[in-house]
């Protein structure tokens, strides 16, 4: 969850990744680099899954994640710690 002002400040979702699969990853990676973040492990919502969900196509999702990670790595000047995470 992010504030609307933060969402707009980092440019929202990149429309060039629409229908790529896992398109929210690109936004998430930008958000992580722009501010302190925290991960919550406890479930606060339930996701209803069915065959028409985008995530129902695991190969499409994986290929989307790969495309986004390659794009993010090429576009950003990553420090050694960030590079080691992406390379693993």
Foldseek 3Di string as FASTA:
>chain_A
DDDPVLCVVLPHFDVVLVPQALSCVLVVVSSVVPDPDDDDPDDPDDDDDDCVDSVVDVVSNVRSVVVSLVVVPVVDDDDPVVVVVSVD
